[in-house]
Amino acid sequence: MNEEPLLIHSLAEFAGITLPVLEAADARSVCEIGAEHGGNSTVLGDWLAGRGGTLVSIDPAPGRAFLDWLAGQGERVRHLPATSLAAIEAAGAHDAWFIDGDHNWYTVFNELSLIHRVQRAAGRPLLVMLHDIDWPWARRDMYYAPERIPPEFLLPHSFELGVTRGSRTAISGGFRGCGAFAVALEEGGPRNGVLTAVEDFVAGLDEPLLWAHVPGVFGLGVLFDRDHPAAGAIAQLLAPLHEHPLLARLEANRLANYLRVIEWQDRQATAATPSSSSPDGRVRAATTRVSRPAATDA
């Protein structure tokens, strides 16, 4: 029997919102950035298959579950095994885009800029759905591969420290990647985080865009042209959910409970083996590897 994950995190959880948006836009061609294990890929692929549509998935190193699923999809799904910034122009224009890759200002700002350029060059409207626009990555960079970020945009970061609500500074413990990803040492400030990237991108445009922010499961943002043929229908779908206070309260409670579970796990692991990692790799030794770029103006 499959167990419900302790912390749901996939963009697939928003299918009850994203698929009606795609339906309203009459989408037949979708490009996703960030496949991971294929949770949202399968949702999109199955939905598009019923409409004779196609999916392009951009991910330099997706999980085995995605690759196994991809093997049975034929020409309906195309995988570009490259970073988003290297692959977006090759992917071409689409009816809709999903951004759920590397959650930092530099990557997201440039993903949006490239998508905008590709869509405008093809004369097609903009419709982008972004994940992780809420805590913890709204105002704090997360890096899967810091070496891919130009030094002037790379913030001081750590692969071992974590984050917790109410602390702008990274801490020992908390929500962390345990070597899988790094977190910026400080929350907030210029050019830091996914939501900041969206705001900066929009501020740099001299054209009207509409924005919806759905709280929950780390936050969903929907950015689309005011003159999109389906703008009215999309807005009608999203307006009741936009910055909904109850959804935001439920998400805050969910995260608070999850952080308490992490604290409990850390105490248990420390009591058992004070200077080593726990069996599931969640807790690391007391030493912390912190990376600070030689120069940054961020």
C-alpha atoms as a PDB file:
ATOM      1  CA  MET A   1       0.000   0.000   0.000  1.00  0.00           C
ATOM      2  CA  ASN A   2       1.368   3.419  -0.944  1.00  0.00           C
ATOM      3  CA  GLU A   3       1.861   5.802   1.960  1.00  0.00           C
ATOM      4  CA  GLU A   4       0.973   9.482   1.737  1.00  0.00           C
ATOM      5  CA  PRO A   5       4.213  11.504   1.798  1.00  0.00           C
ATOM      6  CA  LEU A   6       4.814  13.471   4.983  1.00  0.00           C
ATOM      7  CA  LEU A   7       5.342  16.665   2.993  1.00  0.00           C
ATOM      8  CA  ILE A   8       3.544  16.909  -0.346  1.00  0.00           C
ATOM      9  CA  HIS A   9       5.664  19.018  -2.660  1.00  0.00           C
ATOM     10  CA  SER A  10       4.874  18.267  -6.293  1.00  0.00           C
ATOM     11  CA  LEU A  11       3.388  20.695  -8.782  1.00  0.00           C
ATOM     12  CA  ALA A  12       1.101  17.771  -9.640  1.00  0.00           C
ATOM     13  CA  GLU A  13      -0.893  18.599  -6.485  1.00  0.00           C
ATOM     14  CA  PHE A  14      -2.207  21.678  -8.333  1.00  0.00           C
ATOM     15  CA  ALA A  15      -3.722  19.636 -11.190  1.00  0.00           C
ATOM     16  CA  GLY A  16      -7.229  20.666 -10.116  1.00  0.00           C
ATOM     17  CA  ILE A  17      -6.195  24.239 -10.925  1.00  0.00           C
ATOM     18  CA  THR A  18      -3.609  23.945 -13.684  1.00  0.00           C
ATOM     19  CA  LEU A  19      -5.580  21.599 -15.933  1.00  0.00           C
ATOM     20  CA  PRO A  20      -8.685  23.828 -15.990  1.00  0.00           C
ATOM     21  CA  VAL A  21      -6.376  26.751 -16.846  1.00  0.00           C
ATOM     22  CA  LEU A  22      -4.930  24.744 -19.736  1.00  0.00           C
ATOM     23  CA  GLU A  23      -8.448  23.792 -20.794  1.00  0.00           C
ATOM     24  CA  ALA A  24      -9.530  27.423 -20.802  1.00  0.00           C
ATOM     25  CA  ALA A  25      -6.491  28.305 -22.909  1.00  0.00           C
ATOM     26  CA  ASP A  26      -7.223  25.422 -25.310  1.00  0.00           C
ATOM     27  CA  ALA A  27      -3.609  24.339 -24.826  1.00  0.00           C
ATOM     28  CA  ARG A  28      -2.266  21.633 -27.111  1.00  0.00           C
ATOM     29  CA  SER A  29       1.450  22.256 -26.634  1.00  0.00           C
ATOM     30  CA  VAL A  30       3.058  22.542 -23.192  1.00  0.00           C
ATOM     31  CA  CYS A  31       6.673  22.851 -22.064  1.00  0.00           C
ATOM     32  CA  GLU A  32       7.718  22.048 -18.508  1.00  0.00           C
ATOM     33  CA  ILE A  33      11.001  23.013 -16.850  1.00  0.00           C
ATOM     34  CA  GLY A  34      11.942  20.505 -14.175  1.00  0.00           C
ATOM     35  CA  ALA A  35      10.694  16.928 -14.465  1.00  0.00           C
ATOM     36  CA  GLU A  36      12.242  15.442 -11.301  1.00  0.00           C
ATOM     37  CA  HIS A  37      10.452  12.092 -10.828  1.00  0.00           C
ATOM     38  CA  GLY A  38       7.724  12.865 -13.358  1.00  0.00           C
ATOM     39  CA  GLY A  39       4.817  13.644 -11.034  1.00  0.00           C
ATOM     40  CA  ASN A  40       3.560  16.638 -12.963  1.00  0.00           C
ATOM     41  CA  SER A  41       4.891  15.265 -16.260  1.00  0.00           C
ATOM     42  CA  THR A  42       2.504  12.320 -16.100  1.00  0.00           C
ATOM     43  CA  VAL A  43      -0.410  14.617 -15.245  1.00  0.00           C
ATOM     44  CA  LEU A  44       0.348  16.875 -18.197  1.00  0.00           C
ATOM     45  CA  GLY A  45       1.208  14.021 -20.554  1.00  0.00           C
ATOM     46  CA  ASP A  46      -2.005  12.139 -19.872  1.00  0.00           C
ATOM     47  CA  TRP A  47      -4.122  15.274 -20.204  1.00  0.00           C
ATOM     48  CA  LEU A  48      -2.454  16.301 -23.473  1.00  0.00           C
ATOM     49  CA  ALA A  49      -2.739  12.780 -24.874  1.00  0.00           C
ATOM     50  CA  GLY A  50      -6.514  13.048 -24.621  1.00  0.00           C
ATOM     51  CA  ARG A  51      -6.368  16.176 -26.772  1.00  0.00           C
ATOM     52  CA  GLY A  52      -3.793  15.010 -29.296  1.00  0.00           C
ATOM     53  CA  GLY A  53      -1.297  17.416 -27.749  1.00  0.00           C
ATOM     54  CA  THR A  54       2.425  17.270 -27.004  1.00  0.00           C
ATOM     55  CA  LEU A  55       4.656  17.862 -24.000  1.00  0.00           C
ATOM     56  CA  VAL A  56       8.272  19.019 -23.994  1.00  0.00           C
ATOM     57  CA  SER A  57      10.141  18.403 -20.757  1.00  0.00           C
ATOM     58  CA  ILE A  58      13.416  20.161 -19.941  1.00  0.00           C
ATOM     59  CA  ASP A  59      15.589  18.592 -17.248  1.00  0.00           C
ATOM     60  CA  PRO A  60      19.330  17.840 -17.334  1.00  0.00           C
ATOM     61  CA  ALA A  61      19.055  14.916 -14.896  1.00  0.00           C
ATOM     62  CA  PRO A  62      15.516  13.632 -14.267  1.00  0.00           C
ATOM     63  CA  GLY A  63      14.789  10.684 -12.010  1.00  0.00           C
ATOM     64  CA  ARG A  64      14.489   7.080 -13.117  1.00  0.00           C
ATOM     65  CA  ALA A  65      10.699   7.093 -12.692  1.00  0.00           C
ATOM     66  CA  PHE A  66      10.400   9.900 -15.247  1.00  0.00           C
ATOM     67  CA  LEU A  67      12.729   8.158 -17.708  1.00  0.00           C
ATOM     68  CA  ASP A  68      10.805   4.888 -17.386  1.00  0.00           C
ATOM     69  CA  TRP A  69       7.538   6.729 -18.056  1.00  0.00           C
ATOM     70  CA  LEU A  70       9.083   8.636 -20.950  1.00  0.00           C
ATOM     71  CA  ALA A  71      10.124   5.395 -22.664  1.00  0.00           C
ATOM     72  CA  GLY A  72       6.483   4.515 -23.263  1.00  0.00           C
ATOM     73  CA  GLN A  73       5.285   7.888 -24.516  1.00  0.00           C
ATOM     74  CA  GLY A  74       6.515   7.846 -28.108  1.00  0.00           C
ATOM     75  CA  GLU A  75       6.421  11.183 -29.921  1.00  0.00           C
ATOM     76  CA  ARG A  76       3.818  12.664 -27.583  1.00  0.00           C
ATOM     77  CA  VAL A  77       6.535  13.648 -25.092  1.00  0.00           C
ATOM     78  CA  ARG A  78       9.957  15.049 -25.951  1.00  0.00           C
ATOM     79  CA  HIS A  79      12.707  15.306 -23.352  1.00  0.00           C
ATOM     80  CA  LEU A  80      15.500  17.863 -23.644  1.00  0.00           C
ATOM     81  CA  PRO A  81      18.327  16.715 -21.339  1.00  0.00           C
ATOM     82  CA  ALA A  82      19.793  20.160 -20.785  1.00  0.00           C
ATOM     83  CA  THR A  83      19.554  23.080 -18.413  1.00  0.00           C
ATOM     84  CA  SER A  84      16.584  25.363 -18.926  1.00  0.00           C
ATOM     85  CA  LEU A  85      18.653  28.372 -19.985  1.00  0.00           C
ATOM     86  CA  ALA A  86      20.355  26.278 -22.645  1.00  0.00           C
ATOM     87  CA  ALA A  87      17.167  24.596 -23.904  1.00  0.00           C
ATOM     88  CA  ILE A  88      14.308  27.117 -23.875  1.00  0.00           C
ATOM     89  CA  GLU A  89      15.043  28.628 -27.276  1.00  0.00           C
ATOM     90  CA  ALA A  90      15.464  25.156 -28.774  1.00  0.00           C
ATOM     91  CA  ALA A  91      12.113  24.138 -27.283  1.00  0.00           C
ATOM     92  CA  GLY A  92      10.354  26.899 -29.206  1.00  0.00           C
ATOM     93  CA  ALA A  93       7.029  28.573 -28.435  1.00  0.00           C
ATOM     94  CA  HIS A  94       4.188  26.758 -26.652  1.00  0.00           C
ATOM     95  CA  ASP A  95       0.638  27.334 -25.504  1.00  0.00           C
ATOM     96  CA  ALA A  96       1.716  27.129 -21.857  1.00  0.00           C
ATOM     97  CA  TRP A  97       4.874  26.793 -19.769  1.00  0.00           C
ATOM     98  CA  PHE A  98       5.552  25.336 -16.326  1.00  0.00           C
ATOM     99  CA  ILE A  99       8.595  26.482 -14.324  1.00  0.00           C
ATOM    100  CA  ASP A 100       9.660  24.162 -11.504  1.00  0.00           C
ATOM    101  CA  GLY A 101      13.411  23.784 -11.867  1.00  0.00           C
ATOM    102  CA  ASP A 102      16.253  25.545 -10.034  1.00  0.00           C
ATOM    103  CA  HIS A 103      14.617  27.858  -7.492  1.00  0.00           C
ATOM    104  CA  ASN A 104      16.833  30.923  -7.489  1.00  0.00           C
ATOM    105  CA  TRP A 105      16.607  34.492  -8.758  1.00  0.00           C
ATOM    106  CA  TYR A 106      19.108  34.212 -11.604  1.00  0.00           C
ATOM    107  CA  THR A 107      17.611  31.067 -13.106  1.00  0.00           C
ATOM    108  CA  VAL A 108      13.937  32.033 -12.816  1.00  0.00           C
ATOM    109  CA  PHE A 109      14.435  35.622 -14.005  1.00  0.00           C
ATOM    110  CA  ASN A 110      16.275  34.403 -17.100  1.00  0.00           C
ATOM    111  CA  GLU A 111      13.818  31.555 -17.712  1.00  0.00           C
ATOM    112  CA  LEU A 112      10.999  34.092 -17.812  1.00  0.00           C
ATOM    113  CA  SER A 113      13.015  36.427 -20.037  1.00  0.00           C
ATOM    114  CA  LEU A 114      13.807  33.660 -22.529  1.00  0.00           C
ATOM    115  CA  ILE A 115      10.238  32.346 -22.564  1.00  0.00           C
ATOM    116  CA  HIS A 116       8.935  35.856 -23.150  1.00  0.00           C
ATOM    117  CA  ARG A 117      11.379  36.339 -26.042  1.00  0.00           C
ATOM    118  CA  VAL A 118      10.447  33.000 -27.626  1.00  0.00           C
ATOM    119  CA  GLN A 119       6.705  33.621 -27.319  1.00  0.00           C
ATOM    120  CA  ARG A 120       6.912  37.139 -28.707  1.00  0.00           C
ATOM    121  CA  ALA A 121       9.119  36.061 -31.615  1.00  0.00           C
ATOM    122  CA  ALA A 122       6.468  33.500 -32.565  1.00  0.00           C
ATOM    123  CA  GLY A 123       3.598  35.940 -32.061  1.00  0.00           C
ATOM    124  CA  ARG A 124       2.025  33.752 -29.380  1.00  0.00           C
ATOM    125  CA  PRO A 125       0.588  34.791 -26.001  1.00  0.00           C
ATOM    126  CA  LEU A 126       2.293  34.251 -22.672  1.00  0.00           C
ATOM    127  CA  LEU A 127       0.962  31.754 -20.126  1.00  0.00           C
ATOM    128  CA  VAL A 128       3.406  30.581 -17.453  1.00  0.00           C
ATOM    129  CA  MET A 129       2.742  28.630 -14.263  1.00  0.00           C
ATOM    130  CA  LEU A 130       5.468  28.742 -11.624  1.00  0.00           C
ATOM    131  CA  HIS A 131       5.959  26.620  -8.538  1.00  0.00           C
ATOM    132  CA  ASP A 132       7.692  27.580  -5.244  1.00  0.00           C
ATOM    133  CA  ILE A 133       6.692  31.225  -5.170  1.00  0.00           C
ATOM    134  CA  ASP A 134       6.018  30.944  -1.402  1.00  0.00           C
ATOM    135  CA  TRP A 135       8.225  30.047   1.548  1.00  0.00           C
ATOM    136  CA  PRO A 136      10.993  28.909   1.625  1.00  0.00           C
ATOM    137  CA  TRP A 137      12.160  29.984  -1.839  1.00  0.00           C
ATOM    138  CA  ALA A 138      10.038  33.092  -2.406  1.00  0.00           C
ATOM    139  CA  ARG A 139      12.730  35.395  -0.975  1.00  0.00           C
ATOM    140  CA  ARG A 140      15.675  32.997  -0.626  1.00  0.00           C
ATOM    141  CA  ASP A 141      17.783  31.398  -3.357  1.00  0.00           C
ATOM    142  CA  MET A 142      18.177  27.641  -3.541  1.00  0.00           C
ATOM    143  CA  TYR A 143      20.892  26.157  -5.739  1.00  0.00           C
ATOM    144  CA  TYR A 144      21.075  22.629  -7.126  1.00  0.00           C
ATOM    145  CA  ALA A 145      24.246  23.533  -9.021  1.00  0.00           C
ATOM    146  CA  PRO A 146      25.834  26.771  -7.746  1.00  0.00           C
ATOM    147  CA  GLU A 147      28.647  26.411 -10.267  1.00  0.00           C
ATOM    148  CA  ARG A 148      26.145  27.227 -13.039  1.00  0.00           C
ATOM    149  CA  ILE A 149      25.289  30.618 -11.555  1.00  0.00           C
ATOM    150  CA  PRO A 150      27.548  33.536 -12.593  1.00  0.00           C
ATOM    151  CA  PRO A 151      29.557  34.731  -9.570  1.00  0.00           C
ATOM    152  CA  GLU A 152      27.959  38.167  -9.579  1.00  0.00           C
ATOM    153  CA  PHE A 153      24.516  36.567  -9.061  1.00  0.00           C
ATOM    154  CA  LEU A 154      25.540  33.809  -6.634  1.00  0.00           C
ATOM    155  CA  LEU A 155      24.750  34.555  -2.990  1.00  0.00           C
ATOM    156  CA  PRO A 156      26.690  33.132  -0.023  1.00  0.00           C
ATOM    157  CA  HIS A 157      25.203  29.689   0.560  1.00  0.00           C
ATOM    158  CA  SER A 158      25.531  26.384   2.388  1.00  0.00           C
ATOM    159  CA  PHE A 159      24.825  22.764   1.481  1.00  0.00           C
ATOM    160  CA  GLU A 160      24.486  21.737   5.145  1.00  0.00           C
ATOM    161  CA  LEU A 161      22.574  24.544   6.837  1.00  0.00           C
ATOM    162  CA  GLY A 162      18.798  24.713   6.620  1.00  0.00           C
ATOM    163  CA  VAL A 163      15.923  27.161   6.873  1.00  0.00           C
ATOM    164  CA  THR A 164      13.053  27.639   9.280  1.00  0.00           C
ATOM    165  CA  ARG A 165      10.151  30.049   9.421  1.00  0.00           C
ATOM    166  CA  GLY A 166      10.830  33.212  11.371  1.00  0.00           C
ATOM    167  CA  SER A 167      14.598  33.184  10.811  1.00  0.00           C
ATOM    168  CA  ARG A 168      16.091  35.170   7.946  1.00  0.00           C
ATOM    169  CA  THR A 169      19.473  33.517   8.616  1.00  0.00           C
ATOM    170  CA  ALA A 170      20.160  29.894   7.697  1.00  0.00           C
ATOM    171  CA  ILE A 171      20.370  27.608  10.727  1.00  0.00           C
ATOM    172  CA  SER A 172      21.880  24.310  11.787  1.00  0.00           C
ATOM    173  CA  GLY A 173      18.934  21.984  11.261  1.00  0.00           C
ATOM    174  CA  GLY A 174      15.605  22.976   9.771  1.00  0.00           C
ATOM    175  CA  PHE A 175      14.417  22.236   6.235  1.00  0.00           C
ATOM    176  CA  ARG A 176      17.545  21.401   4.248  1.00  0.00           C
ATOM    177  CA  GLY A 177      18.971  19.437   1.348  1.00  0.00           C
ATOM    178  CA  CYS A 178      21.632  17.408   3.183  1.00  0.00           C
ATOM    179  CA  GLY A 179      23.984  17.867   0.244  1.00  0.00           C
ATOM    180  CA  ALA A 180      21.337  17.711  -2.519  1.00  0.00           C
ATOM    181  CA  PHE A 181      20.938  21.472  -2.730  1.00  0.00           C
ATOM    182  CA  ALA A 182      22.315  24.620  -1.147  1.00  0.00           C
ATOM    183  CA  VAL A 183      20.419  27.469   0.503  1.00  0.00           C
ATOM    184  CA  ALA A 184      21.317  31.151   0.571  1.00  0.00           C
ATOM    185  CA  LEU A 185      22.584  32.153   4.001  1.00  0.00           C
ATOM    186  CA  GLU A 186      20.210  35.120   4.205  1.00  0.00           C
ATOM    187  CA  GLU A 187      16.567  35.552   3.224  1.00  0.00           C
ATOM    188  CA  GLY A 188      15.416  38.728   1.499  1.00  0.00           C
ATOM    189  CA  GLY A 189      17.158  41.563  -0.246  1.00  0.00           C
ATOM    190  CA  PRO A 190      17.743  42.208  -3.959  1.00  0.00           C
ATOM    191  CA  ARG A 191      17.929  39.365  -6.472  1.00  0.00           C
ATOM    192  CA  ASN A 192      17.088  36.675  -3.949  1.00  0.00           C
ATOM    193  CA  GLY A 193      14.330  34.109  -4.457  1.00  0.00           C
ATOM    194  CA  VAL A 194      11.692  32.987  -6.940  1.00  0.00           C
ATOM    195  CA  LEU A 195       8.975  35.538  -6.198  1.00  0.00           C
ATOM    196  CA  THR A 196      11.538  38.342  -6.330  1.00  0.00           C
ATOM    197  CA  ALA A 197      12.555  37.103  -9.784  1.00  0.00           C
ATOM    198  CA  VAL A 198       8.941  37.205 -10.993  1.00  0.00           C
ATOM    199  CA  GLU A 199       8.448  40.715  -9.644  1.00  0.00           C
ATOM    200  CA  ASP A 200      11.677  41.976 -11.207  1.00  0.00           C
ATOM    201  CA  PHE A 201      10.810  40.400 -14.557  1.00  0.00           C
ATOM    202  CA  VAL A 202       7.361  42.015 -14.629  1.00  0.00           C
ATOM    203  CA  ALA A 203       8.772  45.377 -13.508  1.00  0.00           C
ATOM    204  CA  GLY A 204      11.141  45.366 -16.479  1.00  0.00           C
ATOM    205  CA  LEU A 205       8.367  44.967 -19.046  1.00  0.00           C
ATOM    206  CA  ASP A 206       6.365  47.758 -20.617  1.00  0.00           C
ATOM    207  CA  GLU A 207       3.300  45.630 -21.308  1.00  0.00           C
ATOM    208  CA  PRO A 208       0.289  44.498 -19.277  1.00  0.00           C
ATOM    209  CA  LEU A 209       0.405  41.095 -17.604  1.00  0.00           C
ATOM    210  CA  LEU A 210      -1.982  39.463 -15.160  1.00  0.00           C
ATOM    211  CA  TRP A 211      -0.812  37.560 -12.076  1.00  0.00           C
ATOM    212  CA  ALA A 212      -2.489  35.080  -9.758  1.00  0.00           C
ATOM    213  CA  HIS A 213      -0.940  33.700  -6.565  1.00  0.00           C
ATOM    214  CA  VAL A 214      -2.420  30.501  -5.142  1.00  0.00           C
ATOM    215  CA  PRO A 215      -1.099  29.693  -1.632  1.00  0.00           C
ATOM    216  CA  GLY A 216      -0.397  26.094  -0.613  1.00  0.00           C
ATOM    217  CA  VAL A 217       2.139  23.358  -1.428  1.00  0.00           C
ATOM    218  CA  PHE A 218       4.898  26.008  -1.625  1.00  0.00           C
ATOM    219  CA  GLY A 219       2.800  28.291  -3.812  1.00  0.00           C
ATOM    220  CA  LEU A 220       1.609  28.424  -7.411  1.00  0.00           C
ATOM    221  CA  GLY A 221       1.930  31.552  -9.535  1.00  0.00           C
ATOM    222  CA  VAL A 222       0.205  32.073 -12.884  1.00  0.00           C
ATOM    223  CA  LEU A 223       1.477  34.829 -15.175  1.00  0.00           C
ATOM    224  CA  PHE A 224      -0.334  35.597 -18.431  1.00  0.00           C
ATOM    225  CA  ASP A 225      -1.004  38.312 -20.971  1.00  0.00           C
ATOM    226  CA  ARG A 226      -3.851  40.675 -20.227  1.00  0.00           C
ATOM    227  CA  ASP A 227      -4.873  40.328 -23.885  1.00  0.00           C
ATOM    228  CA  HIS A 228      -4.520  36.534 -23.946  1.00  0.00           C
ATOM    229  CA  PRO A 229      -7.537  35.151 -25.861  1.00  0.00           C
ATOM    230  CA  ALA A 230      -8.510  33.234 -22.720  1.00  0.00           C
ATOM    231  CA  ALA A 231      -7.549  35.915 -20.189  1.00  0.00           C
ATOM    232  CA  GLY A 232     -11.113  36.373 -18.956  1.00  0.00           C
ATOM    233  CA  ALA A 233     -11.736  32.660 -18.468  1.00  0.00           C
ATOM    234  CA  ILE A 234      -8.365  32.128 -16.760  1.00  0.00           C
ATOM    235  CA  ALA A 235      -8.911  35.091 -14.458  1.00  0.00           C
ATOM    236  CA  GLN A 236     -12.362  33.827 -13.544  1.00  0.00           C
ATOM    237  CA  LEU A 237     -10.888  30.441 -12.569  1.00  0.00           C
ATOM    238  CA  LEU A 238      -8.088  31.908 -10.484  1.00  0.00           C
ATOM    239  CA  ALA A 239      -9.679  34.951  -8.854  1.00  0.00           C
ATOM    240  CA  PRO A 240     -11.377  33.002  -6.014  1.00  0.00           C
ATOM    241  CA  LEU A 241      -8.009  31.427  -5.088  1.00  0.00           C
ATOM    242  CA  HIS A 242      -5.773  34.471  -5.443  1.00  0.00           C
ATOM    243  CA  GLU A 243      -3.971  35.116  -2.141  1.00  0.00           C
ATOM    244  CA  HIS A 244      -6.779  33.295  -0.331  1.00  0.00           C
ATOM    245  CA  PRO A 245      -6.219  33.823   3.417  1.00  0.00           C
ATOM    246  CA  LEU A 246      -7.500  30.404   4.479  1.00  0.00           C
ATOM    247  CA  LEU A 247      -5.226  28.597   2.011  1.00  0.00           C
ATOM    248  CA  ALA A 248      -2.308  30.684   3.257  1.00  0.00           C
ATOM    249  CA  ARG A 249      -3.144  29.835   6.870  1.00  0.00           C
ATOM    250  CA  LEU A 250      -3.396  26.125   6.105  1.00  0.00           C
ATOM    251  CA  GLU A 251      -0.016  26.211   4.357  1.00  0.00           C
ATOM    252  CA  ALA A 252       1.602  28.013   7.302  1.00  0.00           C
ATOM    253  CA  ASN A 253       0.206  25.370   9.656  1.00  0.00           C
ATOM    254  CA  ARG A 254       1.367  22.522   7.397  1.00  0.00           C
ATOM    255  CA  LEU A 255       4.900  23.876   7.277  1.00  0.00           C
ATOM    256  CA  ALA A 256       5.019  24.555  11.024  1.00  0.00           C
ATOM    257  CA  ASN A 257       4.038  20.955  11.717  1.00  0.00           C
ATOM    258  CA  TYR A 258       6.587  19.609   9.244  1.00  0.00           C
ATOM    259  CA  LEU A 259       9.369  21.704  10.778  1.00  0.00           C
ATOM    260  CA  ARG A 260       8.457  20.334  14.202  1.00  0.00           C
ATOM    261  CA  VAL A 261       8.772  16.797  12.839  1.00  0.00           C
ATOM    262  CA  ILE A 262      12.251  17.646  11.512  1.00  0.00           C
ATOM    263  CA  GLU A 263      13.223  19.016  14.938  1.00  0.00           C
ATOM    264  CA  TRP A 264      12.033  15.802  16.569  1.00  0.00           C
ATOM    265  CA  GLN A 265      13.937  13.652  14.070  1.00  0.00           C
ATOM    266  CA  ASP A 266      17.088  15.704  14.627  1.00  0.00           C
ATOM    267  CA  ARG A 267      16.846  15.337  18.417  1.00  0.00           C
ATOM    268  CA  GLN A 268      16.353  11.599  18.093  1.00  0.00           C
ATOM    269  CA  ALA A 269      19.294  11.244  15.713  1.00  0.00           C
ATOM    270  CA  THR A 270      21.561  13.401  17.869  1.00  0.00           C
ATOM    271  CA  ALA A 271      20.723  11.388  20.959  1.00  0.00           C
ATOM    272  CA  ALA A 272      21.561   8.156  19.123  1.00  0.00           C
ATOM    273  CA  THR A 273      24.713   9.271  17.273  1.00  0.00           C
ATOM    274  CA  PRO A 274      25.795  12.776  18.311  1.00  0.00           C
ATOM    275  CA  SER A 275      28.418  13.328  15.605  1.00  0.00           C
ATOM    276  CA  SER A 276      27.141  11.324  12.655  1.00  0.00           C
ATOM    277  CA  SER A 277      24.253  11.381  10.265  1.00  0.00           C
ATOM    278  CA  SER A 278      20.979   9.642  10.890  1.00  0.00           C
ATOM    279  CA  PRO A 279      20.113   6.485   8.911  1.00  0.00           C
ATOM    280  CA  ASP A 280      18.077   8.461   6.388  1.00  0.00           C
ATOM    281  CA  GLY A 281      20.842  11.019   5.864  1.00  0.00           C
ATOM    282  CA  ARG A 282      18.859  13.908   7.296  1.00  0.00           C
ATOM    283  CA  VAL A 283      21.393  15.013   9.938  1.00  0.00           C
ATOM    284  CA  ARG A 284      25.001  15.786   9.195  1.00  0.00           C
ATOM    285  CA  ALA A 285      28.031  16.272  11.400  1.00  0.00           C
ATOM    286  CA  ALA A 286      28.545  19.559  13.202  1.00  0.00           C
ATOM    287  CA  THR A 287      30.981  20.893  10.616  1.00  0.00           C
ATOM    288  CA  THR A 288      29.370  23.033   7.933  1.00  0.00           C
ATOM    289  CA  ARG A 289      30.629  23.728   4.425  1.00  0.00           C
ATOM    290  CA  VAL A 290      29.698  27.278   3.479  1.00  0.00           C
ATOM    291  CA  SER A 291      30.384  28.674   0.030  1.00  0.00           C
ATOM    292  CA  ARG A 292      30.947  32.399  -0.423  1.00  0.00           C
ATOM    293  CA  PRO A 293      31.540  33.768  -3.928  1.00  0.00           C
ATOM    294  CA  ALA A 294      34.680  35.803  -4.341  1.00  0.00           C
ATOM    295  CA  ALA A 295      32.673  38.752  -5.581  1.00  0.00           C
ATOM    296  CA  THR A 296      28.960  39.488  -5.718  1.00  0.00           C
ATOM    297  CA  ASP A 297      26.830  42.548  -6.225  1.00  0.00           C
ATOM    298  CA  ALA A 298      23.604  40.747  -5.327  1.00  0.00           C
END
